[in-house]
Amino acid sequence: MNKKVWTSLLVIGLAVLAIGGGTLAWFTAQAFIEPNEFTAGTVKIEAGESWGEEYKVENWNPGDCTDREITVEVTGSKRAFLRVHINEKWVLQDKESELNDVWYDRGAPNVDWKICKDFEGEKICVNWPNDDEWQMLKTGIGEQSKEHFYYKGMLDPNGVEGPKKITVISKVCLDGADTGNEYQGATYSLCMEFKAIQVTHEAAFAEWGVGYVKGTWVEVEFNVENDRWETKLGSCYWDGTEWLEIVD
């Protein structure tokens, strides 16, 4: 084989090596962004009371009003709607009495609650619930129904669109005129279950089945045909930002 043939084969071999695994240059570029963090807001509340767990009132007499301050404060980062379910009962000496050991949804006989506030330098006490702040609404059907008291408005951790902390009740009073001898030695108990939910994104509609419509709590339902939330009475609908009246 002559010299020219060897030279040609060598050139072809080098070309093949370049194509298969050589060091050809390309125009390239790259860019990066830093990790994005999205931190969820929090809905938290704390309930407080003026008594310790070990405190009990002895010798409670008809006509007595005992200071019993219960408060709720929003401690999370988000605004929240608030509701409370109440249970109360009497345990009487007469175990056969129809009033004995019966749990009531805020309706135990002969007990009144007071809410006290300063007004022009004077403390004014009114019966609880007061219509300006709380509204009772019973939702559900039959045995699944449940009674709640809903706070009118919202709790705001920044104190802008609502208070950060509220006083629920201030005093517990035993009725003087109607509390007869059957209540001698009786014990009154009360329980409060507070729940809060975020104000935004129709959370109360879906979770609680209620909406705060123009200053009033009402039951709501999702209208599939119209693809929107409406009051059960069909008077208003939610447009995503506010409640509007349904016009026929």
C-alpha atoms as a PDB file:
ATOM      1  CA  MET A   1       0.000   0.000   0.000  1.00  0.00           C
ATOM      2  CA  ASN A   2       1.481   3.312  -1.001  1.00  0.00           C
ATOM      3  CA  LYS A   3       2.041   6.365   1.113  1.00  0.00           C
ATOM      4  CA  LYS A   4      -0.993   8.310  -0.207  1.00  0.00           C
ATOM      5  CA  VAL A   5      -3.382   5.490   0.749  1.00  0.00           C
ATOM      6  CA  TRP A   6      -2.022   5.362   4.320  1.00  0.00           C
ATOM      7  CA  THR A   7      -2.350   9.105   4.638  1.00  0.00           C
ATOM      8  CA  SER A   8      -6.035   8.977   3.511  1.00  0.00           C
ATOM      9  CA  LEU A   9      -6.887   6.178   5.963  1.00  0.00           C
ATOM     10  CA  LEU A  10      -5.279   8.125   8.803  1.00  0.00           C
ATOM     11  CA  VAL A  11      -7.318  11.252   8.031  1.00  0.00           C
ATOM     12  CA  ILE A  12     -10.573   9.255   7.880  1.00  0.00           C
ATOM     13  CA  GLY A  13      -9.774   7.544  11.199  1.00  0.00           C
ATOM     14  CA  LEU A  14      -9.154  10.819  12.976  1.00  0.00           C
ATOM     15  CA  ALA A  15     -12.423  12.221  11.639  1.00  0.00           C
ATOM     16  CA  VAL A  16     -14.376   9.230  12.973  1.00  0.00           C
ATOM     17  CA  LEU A  17     -12.795   9.650  16.402  1.00  0.00           C
ATOM     18  CA  ALA A  18     -13.745  13.326  16.438  1.00  0.00           C
ATOM     19  CA  ILE A  19     -17.371  12.565  15.621  1.00  0.00           C
ATOM     20  CA  GLY A  20     -17.709   9.671  18.106  1.00  0.00           C
ATOM     21  CA  GLY A  21     -16.077  11.094  21.207  1.00  0.00           C
ATOM     22  CA  GLY A  22     -14.128  14.137  20.385  1.00  0.00           C
ATOM     23  CA  THR A  23     -14.138  17.558  22.067  1.00  0.00           C
ATOM     24  CA  LEU A  24     -16.407  19.604  19.836  1.00  0.00           C
ATOM     25  CA  ALA A  25     -17.611  22.962  21.279  1.00  0.00           C
ATOM     26  CA  TRP A  26     -21.309  24.012  21.519  1.00  0.00           C
ATOM     27  CA  PHE A  27     -22.962  27.262  22.535  1.00  0.00           C
ATOM     28  CA  THR A  28     -24.789  26.612  25.856  1.00  0.00           C
ATOM     29  CA  ALA A  29     -26.250  28.583  28.753  1.00  0.00           C
ATOM     30  CA  GLN A  30     -27.969  27.941  32.063  1.00  0.00           C
ATOM     31  CA  ALA A  31     -29.765  29.905  34.757  1.00  0.00           C
ATOM     32  CA  PHE A  32     -31.103  29.195  38.251  1.00  0.00           C
ATOM     33  CA  ILE A  33     -33.639  30.690  40.660  1.00  0.00           C
ATOM     34  CA  GLU A  34     -33.402  30.417  44.407  1.00  0.00           C
ATOM     35  CA  PRO A  35     -35.906  28.109  46.170  1.00  0.00           C
ATOM     36  CA  ASN A  36     -39.297  29.803  46.634  1.00  0.00           C
ATOM     37  CA  GLU A  37     -40.909  29.380  50.045  1.00  0.00           C
ATOM     38  CA  PHE A  38     -44.631  29.644  50.706  1.00  0.00           C
ATOM     39  CA  THR A  39     -45.495  29.577  54.407  1.00  0.00           C
ATOM     40  CA  ALA A  40     -49.101  28.773  55.293  1.00  0.00           C
ATOM     41  CA  GLY A  41     -50.971  31.091  57.610  1.00  0.00           C
ATOM     42  CA  THR A  42     -52.286  29.841  60.926  1.00  0.00           C
ATOM     43  CA  VAL A  43     -55.699  29.868  62.559  1.00  0.00           C
ATOM     44  CA  LYS A  44     -55.241  29.592  66.325  1.00  0.00           C
ATOM     45  CA  ILE A  45     -57.312  30.667  69.290  1.00  0.00           C
ATOM     46  CA  GLU A  46     -56.847  30.556  73.024  1.00  0.00           C
ATOM     47  CA  ALA A  47     -59.686  30.467  75.539  1.00  0.00           C
ATOM     48  CA  GLY A  48     -59.016  31.833  78.992  1.00  0.00           C
ATOM     49  CA  GLU A  49     -60.930  32.069  82.232  1.00  0.00           C
ATOM     50  CA  SER A  50     -60.598  33.949  85.462  1.00  0.00           C
ATOM     51  CA  TRP A  51     -60.683  30.781  87.598  1.00  0.00           C
ATOM     52  CA  GLY A  52     -58.228  27.952  87.870  1.00  0.00           C
ATOM     53  CA  GLU A  53     -59.345  24.383  87.352  1.00  0.00           C
ATOM     54  CA  GLU A  54     -59.304  23.742  91.075  1.00  0.00           C
ATOM     55  CA  TYR A  55     -61.646  26.633  91.868  1.00  0.00           C
ATOM     56  CA  LYS A  56     -65.231  25.878  92.831  1.00  0.00           C
ATOM     57  CA  VAL A  57     -67.974  28.088  94.198  1.00  0.00           C
ATOM     58  CA  GLU A  58     -69.434  26.838  97.461  1.00  0.00           C
ATOM     59  CA  ASN A  59     -72.700  27.921  99.073  1.00  0.00           C
ATOM     60  CA  TRP A  60     -74.062  29.475  95.898  1.00  0.00           C
ATOM     61  CA  ASN A  61     -77.302  31.162  96.860  1.00  0.00           C
ATOM     62  CA  PRO A  62     -80.338  32.195  94.816  1.00  0.00           C
ATOM     63  CA  GLY A  63     -79.759  35.769  93.682  1.00  0.00           C
ATOM     64  CA  ASP A  64     -75.943  35.468  93.711  1.00  0.00           C
ATOM     65  CA  CYS A  65     -73.922  36.705  90.732  1.00  0.00           C
ATOM     66  CA  THR A  66     -70.405  35.283  90.597  1.00  0.00           C
ATOM     67  CA  ASP A  67     -67.638  36.856  88.540  1.00  0.00           C
ATOM     68  CA  ARG A  68     -66.673  34.343  85.862  1.00  0.00           C
ATOM     69  CA  GLU A  69     -64.814  35.951  82.978  1.00  0.00           C
ATOM     70  CA  ILE A  70     -64.226  33.785  79.921  1.00  0.00           C
ATOM     71  CA  THR A  71     -62.231  35.210  77.018  1.00  0.00           C
ATOM     72  CA  VAL A  72     -61.167  34.118  73.543  1.00  0.00           C
ATOM     73  CA  GLU A  73     -58.134  35.496  71.698  1.00  0.00           C
ATOM     74  CA  VAL A  74     -56.933  34.826  68.167  1.00  0.00           C
ATOM     75  CA  THR A  75     -53.229  33.972  68.336  1.00  0.00           C
ATOM     76  CA  GLY A  76     -52.591  32.825  64.760  1.00  0.00           C
ATOM     77  CA  SER A  77     -51.746  34.949  61.745  1.00  0.00           C
ATOM     78  CA  LYS A  78     -55.120  34.846  59.986  1.00  0.00           C
ATOM     79  CA  ARG A  79     -58.484  36.449  60.582  1.00  0.00           C
ATOM     80  CA  ALA A  80     -61.030  33.984  61.874  1.00  0.00           C
ATOM     81  CA  PHE A  81     -64.732  33.459  62.357  1.00  0.00           C
ATOM     82  CA  LEU A  82     -65.687  32.092  65.784  1.00  0.00           C
ATOM     83  CA  ARG A  83     -68.465  29.914  67.139  1.00  0.00           C
ATOM     84  CA  VAL A  84     -69.139  28.181  70.439  1.00  0.00           C
ATOM     85  CA  HIS A  85     -71.154  25.125  71.402  1.00  0.00           C
ATOM     86  CA  ILE A  86     -72.416  25.221  74.978  1.00  0.00           C
ATOM     87  CA  ASN A  87     -73.378  22.439  77.352  1.00  0.00           C
ATOM     88  CA  GLU A  88     -74.634  23.000  80.879  1.00  0.00           C
ATOM     89  CA  LYS A  89     -76.417  20.907  83.490  1.00  0.00           C
ATOM     90  CA  TRP A  90     -77.613  20.588  87.065  1.00  0.00           C
ATOM     91  CA  VAL A  91     -76.829  17.633  89.295  1.00  0.00           C
ATOM     92  CA  LEU A  92     -79.501  17.589  92.018  1.00  0.00           C
ATOM     93  CA  GLN A  93     -79.786  15.797  95.303  1.00  0.00           C
ATOM     94  CA  ASP A  94     -83.028  14.297  94.012  1.00  0.00           C
ATOM     95  CA  LYS A  95     -81.683  11.779  91.508  1.00  0.00           C
ATOM     96  CA  GLU A  96     -85.196  11.011  90.275  1.00  0.00           C
ATOM     97  CA  SER A  97     -85.871  14.586  89.223  1.00  0.00           C
ATOM     98  CA  GLU A  98     -86.363  15.181  85.505  1.00  0.00           C
ATOM     99  CA  LEU A  99     -83.943  18.104  85.844  1.00  0.00           C
ATOM    100  CA  ASN A 100     -81.127  15.962  87.225  1.00  0.00           C
ATOM    101  CA  ASP A 101     -77.979  15.399  85.160  1.00  0.00           C
ATOM    102  CA  VAL A 102     -79.524  16.639  81.909  1.00  0.00           C
ATOM    103  CA  TRP A 103     -77.210  18.420  79.481  1.00  0.00           C
ATOM    104  CA  TYR A 104     -78.730  21.542  77.917  1.00  0.00           C
ATOM    105  CA  ASP A 105     -77.630  23.570  74.917  1.00  0.00           C
ATOM    106  CA  ARG A 106     -77.466  26.874  76.770  1.00  0.00           C
ATOM    107  CA  GLY A 107     -80.802  26.490  78.477  1.00  0.00           C
ATOM    108  CA  ALA A 108     -80.247  25.133  81.970  1.00  0.00           C
ATOM    109  CA  PRO A 109     -83.016  26.483  84.210  1.00  0.00           C
ATOM    110  CA  ASN A 110     -82.464  29.309  86.667  1.00  0.00           C
ATOM    111  CA  VAL A 111     -79.010  30.335  85.459  1.00  0.00           C
ATOM    112  CA  ASP A 112     -78.271  33.638  83.716  1.00  0.00           C
ATOM    113  CA  TRP A 113     -75.013  34.800  82.185  1.00  0.00           C
ATOM    114  CA  LYS A 114     -73.929  38.430  82.075  1.00  0.00           C
ATOM    115  CA  ILE A 115     -71.529  40.308  79.859  1.00  0.00           C
ATOM    116  CA  CYS A 116     -70.154  43.513  81.357  1.00  0.00           C
ATOM    117  CA  LYS A 117     -68.468  46.374  79.527  1.00  0.00           C
ATOM    118  CA  ASP A 118     -67.333  49.874  80.338  1.00  0.00           C
ATOM    119  CA  PHE A 119     -69.576  52.531  78.854  1.00  0.00           C
ATOM    120  CA  GLU A 120     -68.727  56.184  79.415  1.00  0.00           C
ATOM    121  CA  GLY A 121     -66.850  55.332  82.591  1.00  0.00           C
ATOM    122  CA  GLU A 122     -69.578  53.079  83.979  1.00  0.00           C
ATOM    123  CA  LYS A 123     -69.690  49.274  83.889  1.00  0.00           C
ATOM    124  CA  ILE A 124     -72.891  48.067  82.240  1.00  0.00           C
ATOM    125  CA  CYS A 125     -73.934  44.389  82.474  1.00  0.00           C
ATOM    126  CA  VAL A 126     -76.501  42.821  80.173  1.00  0.00           C
ATOM    127  CA  ASN A 127     -77.774  39.280  79.699  1.00  0.00           C
ATOM    128  CA  TRP A 128     -75.821  36.919  77.463  1.00  0.00           C
ATOM    129  CA  PRO A 129     -76.173  36.359  74.583  1.00  0.00           C
ATOM    130  CA  ASN A 130     -76.557  39.952  73.542  1.00  0.00           C
ATOM    131  CA  ASP A 131     -77.869  40.345  70.004  1.00  0.00           C
ATOM    132  CA  ASP A 132     -75.137  42.812  69.074  1.00  0.00           C
ATOM    133  CA  GLU A 133     -72.378  40.222  69.381  1.00  0.00           C
ATOM    134  CA  TRP A 134     -73.784  36.677  69.243  1.00  0.00           C
ATOM    135  CA  GLN A 135     -76.360  34.800  67.223  1.00  0.00           C
ATOM    136  CA  MET A 136     -77.711  31.328  67.862  1.00  0.00           C
ATOM    137  CA  LEU A 137     -78.087  29.123  64.810  1.00  0.00           C
ATOM    138  CA  LYS A 138     -79.071  25.452  64.760  1.00  0.00           C
ATOM    139  CA  THR A 139     -77.863  23.551  61.719  1.00  0.00           C
ATOM    140  CA  GLY A 140     -78.247  19.986  60.548  1.00  0.00           C
ATOM    141  CA  ILE A 141     -81.227  17.636  60.475  1.00  0.00           C
ATOM    142  CA  GLY A 142     -82.668  15.474  63.244  1.00  0.00           C
ATOM    143  CA  GLU A 143     -80.136  13.873  65.562  1.00  0.00           C
ATOM    144  CA  GLN A 144     -77.339  15.389  63.492  1.00  0.00           C
ATOM    145  CA  SER A 145     -78.486  18.922  64.254  1.00  0.00           C
ATOM    146  CA  LYS A 146     -76.410  21.033  66.598  1.00  0.00           C
ATOM    147  CA  GLU A 147     -76.791  24.442  68.172  1.00  0.00           C
ATOM    148  CA  HIS A 148     -73.979  26.981  68.031  1.00  0.00           C
ATOM    149  CA  PHE A 149     -73.606  30.605  68.970  1.00  0.00           C
ATOM    150  CA  TYR A 150     -71.768  32.531  66.251  1.00  0.00           C
ATOM    151  CA  TYR A 151     -69.774  35.660  66.920  1.00  0.00           C
ATOM    152  CA  LYS A 152     -71.024  38.500  64.736  1.00  0.00           C
ATOM    153  CA  GLY A 153     -67.945  39.631  62.906  1.00  0.00           C
ATOM    154  CA  MET A 154     -64.439  38.273  62.953  1.00  0.00           C
ATOM    155  CA  LEU A 155     -61.371  38.124  65.140  1.00  0.00           C
ATOM    156  CA  ASP A 156     -58.358  39.860  63.626  1.00  0.00           C
ATOM    157  CA  PRO A 157     -54.811  39.297  64.952  1.00  0.00           C
ATOM    158  CA  ASN A 158     -53.988  42.857  63.845  1.00  0.00           C
ATOM    159  CA  GLY A 159     -57.088  44.348  65.452  1.00  0.00           C
ATOM    160  CA  VAL A 160     -58.135  46.103  62.222  1.00  0.00           C
ATOM    161  CA  GLU A 161     -61.260  44.354  60.933  1.00  0.00           C
ATOM    162  CA  GLY A 162     -62.229  43.027  64.326  1.00  0.00           C
ATOM    163  CA  PRO A 163     -60.916  42.647  67.872  1.00  0.00           C
ATOM    164  CA  LYS A 164     -57.996  40.384  68.633  1.00  0.00           C
ATOM    165  CA  LYS A 165     -59.511  39.334  71.970  1.00  0.00           C
ATOM    166  CA  ILE A 166     -63.089  39.298  73.248  1.00  0.00           C
ATOM    167  CA  THR A 167     -64.777  38.677  76.580  1.00  0.00           C
ATOM    168  CA  VAL A 168     -67.508  36.091  76.133  1.00  0.00           C
ATOM    169  CA  ILE A 169     -69.150  36.241  79.566  1.00  0.00           C
ATOM    170  CA  SER A 170     -68.383  38.161  82.753  1.00  0.00           C
ATOM    171  CA  LYS A 171     -70.720  36.741  85.405  1.00  0.00           C
ATOM    172  CA  VAL A 172     -72.805  33.653  86.167  1.00  0.00           C
ATOM    173  CA  CYS A 173     -75.953  34.346  88.157  1.00  0.00           C
ATOM    174  CA  LEU A 174     -78.421  32.104  90.006  1.00  0.00           C
ATOM    175  CA  ASP A 175     -82.000  33.262  89.654  1.00  0.00           C
ATOM    176  CA  GLY A 176     -83.497  34.366  92.946  1.00  0.00           C
ATOM    177  CA  ALA A 177     -87.224  34.122  92.387  1.00  0.00           C
ATOM    178  CA  ASP A 178     -87.537  30.734  90.690  1.00  0.00           C
ATOM    179  CA  THR A 179     -84.800  28.690  92.381  1.00  0.00           C
ATOM    180  CA  GLY A 180     -86.703  26.540  94.874  1.00  0.00           C
ATOM    181  CA  ASN A 181     -85.694  24.007  97.504  1.00  0.00           C
ATOM    182  CA  GLU A 182     -85.117  21.288  94.901  1.00  0.00           C
ATOM    183  CA  TYR A 183     -81.858  23.103  94.069  1.00  0.00           C
ATOM    184  CA  GLN A 184     -80.465  22.924  97.595  1.00  0.00           C
ATOM    185  CA  GLY A 185     -77.125  21.135  97.454  1.00  0.00           C
ATOM    186  CA  ALA A 186     -77.249  21.041  93.647  1.00  0.00           C
ATOM    187  CA  THR A 187     -74.189  21.539  91.428  1.00  0.00           C
ATOM    188  CA  TYR A 188     -74.225  23.526  88.210  1.00  0.00           C
ATOM    189  CA  SER A 189     -71.657  22.765  85.472  1.00  0.00           C
ATOM    190  CA  LEU A 190     -70.949  24.424  82.147  1.00  0.00           C
ATOM    191  CA  CYS A 191     -68.749  23.524  79.184  1.00  0.00           C
ATOM    192  CA  MET A 192     -67.822  25.656  76.186  1.00  0.00           C
ATOM    193  CA  GLU A 193     -66.346  24.335  72.938  1.00  0.00           C
ATOM    194  CA  PHE A 194     -64.919  27.121  70.813  1.00  0.00           C
ATOM    195  CA  LYS A 195     -64.059  26.657  67.146  1.00  0.00           C
ATOM    196  CA  ALA A 196     -62.473  29.087  64.700  1.00  0.00           C
ATOM    197  CA  ILE A 197     -62.128  28.969  60.935  1.00  0.00           C
ATOM    198  CA  GLN A 198     -60.346  31.160  58.407  1.00  0.00           C
ATOM    199  CA  VAL A 199     -62.373  33.990  56.901  1.00  0.00           C
ATOM    200  CA  THR A 200     -61.086  33.519  53.356  1.00  0.00           C
ATOM    201  CA  HIS A 201     -61.913  31.136  50.499  1.00  0.00           C
ATOM    202  CA  GLU A 202     -65.446  30.157  51.564  1.00  0.00           C
ATOM    203  CA  ALA A 203     -64.096  27.957  54.360  1.00  0.00           C
ATOM    204  CA  ALA A 204     -67.114  28.519  56.629  1.00  0.00           C
ATOM    205  CA  PHE A 205     -69.487  27.635  53.764  1.00  0.00           C
ATOM    206  CA  ALA A 206     -67.892  24.270  53.106  1.00  0.00           C
ATOM    207  CA  GLU A 207     -66.972  23.302  56.675  1.00  0.00           C
ATOM    208  CA  TRP A 208     -69.778  24.780  58.772  1.00  0.00           C
ATOM    209  CA  GLY A 209     -72.530  25.144  56.164  1.00  0.00           C
ATOM    210  CA  VAL A 210     -73.108  28.772  57.130  1.00  0.00           C
ATOM    211  CA  GLY A 211     -72.182  32.219  55.890  1.00  0.00           C
ATOM    212  CA  TYR A 212     -71.988  35.674  57.422  1.00  0.00           C
ATOM    213  CA  VAL A 213     -74.420  37.500  55.168  1.00  0.00           C
ATOM    214  CA  LYS A 214     -74.716  41.240  55.693  1.00  0.00           C
ATOM    215  CA  GLY A 215     -74.283  41.053  59.453  1.00  0.00           C
ATOM    216  CA  THR A 216     -76.282  37.853  60.007  1.00  0.00           C
ATOM    217  CA  TRP A 217     -75.317  34.194  60.083  1.00  0.00           C
ATOM    218  CA  VAL A 218     -77.446  32.006  57.810  1.00  0.00           C
ATOM    219  CA  GLU A 219     -77.281  28.493  56.382  1.00  0.00           C
ATOM    220  CA  VAL A 220     -75.831  28.250  52.877  1.00  0.00           C
ATOM    221  CA  GLU A 221     -75.592  25.590  50.187  1.00  0.00           C
ATOM    222  CA  PHE A 222     -73.815  25.177  46.875  1.00  0.00           C
ATOM    223  CA  ASN A 223     -76.075  25.568  43.842  1.00  0.00           C
ATOM    224  CA  VAL A 224     -74.589  23.206  41.248  1.00  0.00           C
ATOM    225  CA  GLU A 225     -76.739  24.548  38.436  1.00  0.00           C
ATOM    226  CA  ASN A 226     -75.597  28.116  39.005  1.00  0.00           C
ATOM    227  CA  ASP A 227     -72.107  27.053  40.157  1.00  0.00           C
ATOM    228  CA  ARG A 228     -72.166  29.288  43.219  1.00  0.00           C
ATOM    229  CA  TRP A 229     -72.886  29.433  46.941  1.00  0.00           C
ATOM    230  CA  GLU A 230     -76.337  30.683  47.901  1.00  0.00           C
ATOM    231  CA  THR A 231     -78.293  31.140  51.089  1.00  0.00           C
ATOM    232  CA  LYS A 232     -80.747  28.324  51.731  1.00  0.00           C
ATOM    233  CA  LEU A 233     -83.570  30.817  51.514  1.00  0.00           C
ATOM    234  CA  GLY A 234     -82.353  31.705  48.034  1.00  0.00           C
ATOM    235  CA  SER A 235     -82.171  35.422  48.701  1.00  0.00           C
ATOM    236  CA  CYS A 236     -78.445  36.036  48.198  1.00  0.00           C
ATOM    237  CA  TYR A 237     -75.477  34.517  46.387  1.00  0.00           C
ATOM    238  CA  TRP A 238     -71.721  34.771  46.858  1.00  0.00           C
ATOM    239  CA  ASP A 239     -69.912  36.302  43.879  1.00  0.00           C
ATOM    240  CA  GLY A 240     -66.454  35.469  45.217  1.00  0.00           C
ATOM    241  CA  THR A 241     -65.934  38.685  47.144  1.00  0.00           C
ATOM    242  CA  GLU A 242     -69.308  39.658  48.626  1.00  0.00           C
ATOM    243  CA  TRP A 243     -72.929  38.639  49.053  1.00  0.00           C
ATOM    244  CA  LEU A 244     -75.330  39.980  46.431  1.00  0.00           C
ATOM    245  CA  GLU A 245     -79.106  39.819  46.276  1.00  0.00           C
ATOM    246  CA  ILE A 246     -80.698  37.405  43.836  1.00  0.00           C
ATOM    247  CA  VAL A 247     -82.958  39.332  41.493  1.00  0.00           C
ATOM    248  CA  ASP A 248     -85.710  37.377  39.696  1.00  0.00           C
END
